[in-house]
Amino acid sequence: MPPGVTPTLRAPGTSPWDGFEAVCHPFPMASVSIDRSGDDPAVVVVMLQTPTWEFHFWAHLSELARLRSIRQADWSARRALQIDDAAGIPVHWAINDDTVTALIGHDDETWHIAFSMPVETIDRLAAEAAELLPEPDPPTPYPGQLEIFQPDAVRIP
């Protein structure tokens, strides 16, 4: 019996596929892992994994956070986000309905391999990346900007 199907009773002489219906999503949810073990804490290895495939790529956390706008990368309008690379090859991201595809190739039209997953996987990846982003440093004052707050700097004649 093929995986992901549920048998029902069938009359003798009918097709063996009569009465079967698919019970699984065609693109399973991928598990998401982010590894910060490199020299730069803002550059991570992302691992997306399902029971049938595994995809690793390097990315800067700020670039991954751009995946929050994946719904604007509509493939039917030929839009894609180019976010970092896998083994030195650019990764392009596009959405069609509720399925996101990572296209690995020099551009989003002539890619070498692609991985499809539900948009919820990318929502989770973008949210986790945004949480790992460091807080921005407070603005540095210009030289002399804080001198007015030093008691000996202000002299009243």
C-alpha atoms as a PDB file:
ATOM      1  CA  MET A   1       0.000   0.000   0.000  1.00  0.00           C
ATOM      2  CA  PRO A   2       1.497   3.406  -0.899  1.00  0.00           C
ATOM      3  CA  PRO A   3       2.441   5.631   2.044  1.00  0.00           C
ATOM      4  CA  GLY A   4       0.021   8.432   2.840  1.00  0.00           C
ATOM      5  CA  VAL A   5      -3.135   6.710   1.602  1.00  0.00           C
ATOM      6  CA  THR A   6      -6.074   5.240   3.465  1.00  0.00           C
ATOM      7  CA  PRO A   7      -7.817   2.149   2.092  1.00  0.00           C
ATOM      8  CA  THR A   8     -11.573   1.831   1.895  1.00  0.00           C
ATOM      9  CA  LEU A   9     -13.667  -1.164   0.925  1.00  0.00           C
ATOM     10  CA  ARG A  10     -13.927  -1.729  -2.821  1.00  0.00           C
ATOM     11  CA  ALA A  11     -15.988  -3.967  -4.997  1.00  0.00           C
ATOM     12  CA  PRO A  12     -14.240  -6.915  -6.671  1.00  0.00           C
ATOM     13  CA  GLY A  13     -12.913  -6.125 -10.132  1.00  0.00           C
ATOM     14  CA  THR A  14     -12.471  -2.405  -9.557  1.00  0.00           C
ATOM     15  CA  SER A  15      -9.147  -0.632  -9.788  1.00  0.00           C
ATOM     16  CA  PRO A  16      -6.838  -1.147  -6.799  1.00  0.00           C
ATOM     17  CA  TRP A  17      -6.677   2.657  -6.503  1.00  0.00           C
ATOM     18  CA  ASP A  18     -10.462   3.082  -6.237  1.00  0.00           C
ATOM     19  CA  GLY A  19     -11.401   4.111  -2.725  1.00  0.00           C
ATOM     20  CA  PHE A  20      -7.960   5.442  -1.771  1.00  0.00           C
ATOM     21  CA  GLU A  21      -7.571   9.036  -0.797  1.00  0.00           C
ATOM     22  CA  ALA A  22      -4.463  10.969   0.060  1.00  0.00           C
ATOM     23  CA  VAL A  23      -4.203  12.013   3.688  1.00  0.00           C
ATOM     24  CA  CYS A  24      -0.928  13.913   3.661  1.00  0.00           C
ATOM     25  CA  HIS A  25       0.101  17.394   2.579  1.00  0.00           C
ATOM     26  CA  PRO A  26       2.177  17.153  -0.614  1.00  0.00           C
ATOM     27  CA  PHE A  27       4.902  19.281   1.021  1.00  0.00           C
ATOM     28  CA  PRO A  28       5.531  18.265   4.628  1.00  0.00           C
ATOM     29  CA  MET A  29       6.447  20.866   7.216  1.00  0.00           C
ATOM     30  CA  ALA A  30      10.220  21.111   7.463  1.00  0.00           C
ATOM     31  CA  SER A  31      12.020  21.256  10.775  1.00  0.00           C
ATOM     32  CA  VAL A  32      14.077  24.428  11.194  1.00  0.00           C
ATOM     33  CA  SER A  33      17.494  24.623  12.906  1.00  0.00           C
ATOM     34  CA  ILE A  34      19.792  27.623  13.116  1.00  0.00           C
ATOM     35  CA  ASP A  35      23.439  27.052  14.123  1.00  0.00           C
ATOM     36  CA  ARG A  36      25.513  30.016  15.326  1.00  0.00           C
ATOM     37  CA  SER A  37      28.797  28.147  15.760  1.00  0.00           C
ATOM     38  CA  GLY A  38      30.819  30.259  13.300  1.00  0.00           C
ATOM     39  CA  ASP A  39      33.163  33.177  13.971  1.00  0.00           C
ATOM     40  CA  ASP A  40      30.525  35.826  13.229  1.00  0.00           C
ATOM     41  CA  PRO A  41      27.457  35.461  15.494  1.00  0.00           C
ATOM     42  CA  ALA A  42      25.313  37.200  12.860  1.00  0.00           C
ATOM     43  CA  VAL A  43      26.127  34.581  10.186  1.00  0.00           C
ATOM     44  CA  VAL A  44      24.454  31.217  10.707  1.00  0.00           C
ATOM     45  CA  VAL A  45      23.980  27.841   9.086  1.00  0.00           C
ATOM     46  CA  VAL A  46      20.305  27.104   8.482  1.00  0.00           C
ATOM     47  CA  MET A  47      19.150  23.501   8.257  1.00  0.00           C
ATOM     48  CA  LEU A  48      15.726  22.730   6.813  1.00  0.00           C
ATOM     49  CA  GLN A  49      14.800  19.050   6.989  1.00  0.00           C
ATOM     50  CA  THR A  50      11.887  16.772   6.101  1.00  0.00           C
ATOM     51  CA  PRO A  51      11.773  12.971   6.051  1.00  0.00           C
ATOM     52  CA  THR A  52      12.810  13.013   2.361  1.00  0.00           C
ATOM     53  CA  TRP A  53      15.294  15.901   2.040  1.00  0.00           C
ATOM     54  CA  GLU A  54      17.694  18.121   3.962  1.00  0.00           C
ATOM     55  CA  PHE A  55      18.907  21.564   2.904  1.00  0.00           C
ATOM     56  CA  HIS A  56      21.759  23.525   4.548  1.00  0.00           C
ATOM     57  CA  PHE A  57      22.778  27.067   3.667  1.00  0.00           C
ATOM     58  CA  TRP A  58      24.722  29.976   5.147  1.00  0.00           C
ATOM     59  CA  ALA A  59      22.895  33.229   5.814  1.00  0.00           C
ATOM     60  CA  HIS A  60      23.232  36.500   7.656  1.00  0.00           C
ATOM     61  CA  LEU A  61      20.481  36.879  10.267  1.00  0.00           C
ATOM     62  CA  SER A  62      19.377  40.223   8.817  1.00  0.00           C
ATOM     63  CA  GLU A  63      19.004  38.575   5.385  1.00  0.00           C
ATOM     64  CA  LEU A  64      16.972  35.710   6.867  1.00  0.00           C
ATOM     65  CA  ALA A  65      14.698  38.210   8.553  1.00  0.00           C
ATOM     66  CA  ARG A  66      13.856  39.492   5.040  1.00  0.00           C
ATOM     67  CA  LEU A  67      11.948  36.233   4.559  1.00  0.00           C
ATOM     68  CA  ARG A  68       9.137  37.865   6.566  1.00  0.00           C
ATOM     69  CA  SER A  69       8.202  39.482   3.233  1.00  0.00           C
ATOM     70  CA  ILE A  70       8.021  36.138   1.376  1.00  0.00           C
ATOM     71  CA  ARG A  71       4.378  36.757   0.432  1.00  0.00           C
ATOM     72  CA  GLN A  72       5.501  39.608  -1.833  1.00  0.00           C
ATOM     73  CA  ALA A  73       7.851  37.244  -3.730  1.00  0.00           C
ATOM     74  CA  ASP A  74       4.969  35.908  -5.835  1.00  0.00           C
ATOM     75  CA  TRP A  75       6.267  33.509  -8.458  1.00  0.00           C
ATOM     76  CA  SER A  76       3.271  34.094 -10.747  1.00  0.00           C
ATOM     77  CA  ALA A  77       4.475  37.733 -10.997  1.00  0.00           C
ATOM     78  CA  ARG A  78       8.077  36.449 -11.482  1.00  0.00           C
ATOM     79  CA  ARG A  79       9.270  37.884  -8.172  1.00  0.00           C
ATOM     80  CA  ALA A  80      11.816  36.204  -5.924  1.00  0.00           C
ATOM     81  CA  LEU A  81      14.030  37.126  -2.972  1.00  0.00           C
ATOM     82  CA  GLN A  82      17.748  36.339  -3.335  1.00  0.00           C
ATOM     83  CA  ILE A  83      18.963  35.556   0.166  1.00  0.00           C
ATOM     84  CA  ASP A  84      22.518  34.314   0.731  1.00  0.00           C
ATOM     85  CA  ASP A  85      23.921  31.096  -0.717  1.00  0.00           C
ATOM     86  CA  ALA A  86      24.328  27.346  -0.496  1.00  0.00           C
ATOM     87  CA  ALA A  87      27.830  26.082  -1.319  1.00  0.00           C
ATOM     88  CA  GLY A  88      28.584  29.407  -3.008  1.00  0.00           C
ATOM     89  CA  ILE A  89      25.457  29.310  -5.198  1.00  0.00           C
ATOM     90  CA  PRO A  90      22.713  31.926  -4.656  1.00  0.00           C
ATOM     91  CA  VAL A  91      19.420  30.859  -3.067  1.00  0.00           C
ATOM     92  CA  HIS A  92      16.249  32.462  -4.464  1.00  0.00           C
ATOM     93  CA  TRP A  93      12.933  32.247  -2.597  1.00  0.00           C
ATOM     94  CA  ALA A  94       9.484  32.504  -4.171  1.00  0.00           C
ATOM     95  CA  ILE A  95       5.915  31.697  -3.192  1.00  0.00           C
ATOM     96  CA  ASN A  96       3.050  30.230  -5.195  1.00  0.00           C
ATOM     97  CA  ASP A  97      -0.213  29.985  -3.246  1.00  0.00           C
ATOM     98  CA  ASP A  98       0.890  28.637   0.170  1.00  0.00           C
ATOM     99  CA  THR A  99       4.012  26.835  -1.060  1.00  0.00           C
ATOM    100  CA  VAL A 100       7.459  28.404  -0.819  1.00  0.00           C
ATOM    101  CA  THR A 101      10.242  27.158  -3.069  1.00  0.00           C
ATOM    102  CA  ALA A 102      13.961  27.661  -2.477  1.00  0.00           C
ATOM    103  CA  LEU A 103      15.613  27.776  -5.908  1.00  0.00           C
ATOM    104  CA  ILE A 104      19.371  27.178  -5.815  1.00  0.00           C
ATOM    105  CA  GLY A 105      21.089  28.530  -8.910  1.00  0.00           C
ATOM    106  CA  HIS A 106      22.675  31.587 -10.432  1.00  0.00           C
ATOM    107  CA  ASP A 107      19.257  33.157 -10.973  1.00  0.00           C
ATOM    108  CA  ASP A 108      15.637  32.338 -10.226  1.00  0.00           C
ATOM    109  CA  GLU A 109      14.924  31.177 -13.788  1.00  0.00           C
ATOM    110  CA  THR A 110      17.836  28.778 -14.389  1.00  0.00           C
ATOM    111  CA  TRP A 111      18.291  27.023 -11.068  1.00  0.00           C
ATOM    112  CA  HIS A 112      19.959  23.664 -10.374  1.00  0.00           C
ATOM    113  CA  ILE A 113      17.795  22.255  -7.577  1.00  0.00           C
ATOM    114  CA  ALA A 114      14.705  23.378  -5.695  1.00  0.00           C
ATOM    115  CA  PHE A 115      13.046  22.538  -2.374  1.00  0.00           C
ATOM    116  CA  SER A 116       9.349  23.193  -1.764  1.00  0.00           C
ATOM    117  CA  MET A 117       7.764  23.614   1.666  1.00  0.00           C
ATOM    118  CA  PRO A 118       4.684  25.153   3.281  1.00  0.00           C
ATOM    119  CA  VAL A 119       4.836  28.904   3.909  1.00  0.00           C
ATOM    120  CA  GLU A 120       4.515  28.205   7.655  1.00  0.00           C
ATOM    121  CA  THR A 121       8.045  26.755   7.582  1.00  0.00           C
ATOM    122  CA  ILE A 122       9.422  30.034   6.252  1.00  0.00           C
ATOM    123  CA  ASP A 123       7.320  32.074   8.679  1.00  0.00           C
ATOM    124  CA  ARG A 124       8.919  30.102  11.513  1.00  0.00           C
ATOM    125  CA  LEU A 125      12.435  30.502  10.041  1.00  0.00           C
ATOM    126  CA  ALA A 126      12.035  34.276   9.607  1.00  0.00           C
ATOM    127  CA  ALA A 127      10.642  34.680  13.137  1.00  0.00           C
ATOM    128  CA  GLU A 128      13.504  32.679  14.684  1.00  0.00           C
ATOM    129  CA  ALA A 129      16.080  34.681  12.714  1.00  0.00           C
ATOM    130  CA  ALA A 130      14.506  37.987  13.797  1.00  0.00           C
ATOM    131  CA  GLU A 131      14.642  36.868  17.448  1.00  0.00           C
ATOM    132  CA  LEU A 132      18.374  36.099  17.126  1.00  0.00           C
ATOM    133  CA  LEU A 133      19.235  39.499  15.667  1.00  0.00           C
ATOM    134  CA  PRO A 134      21.243  41.553  18.185  1.00  0.00           C
ATOM    135  CA  GLU A 135      19.708  44.717  19.508  1.00  0.00           C
ATOM    136  CA  PRO A 136      20.953  47.714  17.538  1.00  0.00           C
ATOM    137  CA  ASP A 137      23.600  49.795  19.262  1.00  0.00           C
ATOM    138  CA  PRO A 138      22.399  53.154  20.547  1.00  0.00           C
ATOM    139  CA  PRO A 139      23.456  56.030  18.334  1.00  0.00           C
ATOM    140  CA  THR A 140      26.933  57.290  19.099  1.00  0.00           C
ATOM    141  CA  PRO A 141      26.956  60.987  19.966  1.00  0.00           C
ATOM    142  CA  TYR A 142      29.041  63.280  17.841  1.00  0.00           C
ATOM    143  CA  PRO A 143      32.224  64.525  19.490  1.00  0.00           C
ATOM    144  CA  GLY A 144      31.349  67.401  21.775  1.00  0.00           C
ATOM    145  CA  GLN A 145      27.629  66.635  21.759  1.00  0.00           C
ATOM    146  CA  LEU A 146      27.544  65.636  25.444  1.00  0.00           C
ATOM    147  CA  GLU A 147      29.882  68.352  26.696  1.00  0.00           C
ATOM    148  CA  ILE A 148      26.962  70.546  27.681  1.00  0.00           C
ATOM    149  CA  PHE A 149      26.112  67.964  30.376  1.00  0.00           C
ATOM    150  CA  GLN A 150      29.554  68.143  32.009  1.00  0.00           C
ATOM    151  CA  PRO A 151      29.536  70.633  34.889  1.00  0.00           C
ATOM    152  CA  ASP A 152      32.917  72.173  34.108  1.00  0.00           C
ATOM    153  CA  ALA A 153      32.179  72.507  30.395  1.00  0.00           C
ATOM    154  CA  VAL A 154      29.489  75.151  30.769  1.00  0.00           C
ATOM    155  CA  ARG A 155      30.704  78.453  32.210  1.00  0.00           C
ATOM    156  CA  ILE A 156      28.244  81.175  32.934  1.00  0.00           C
ATOM    157  CA  PRO A 157      29.905  84.603  32.692  1.00  0.00           C
END
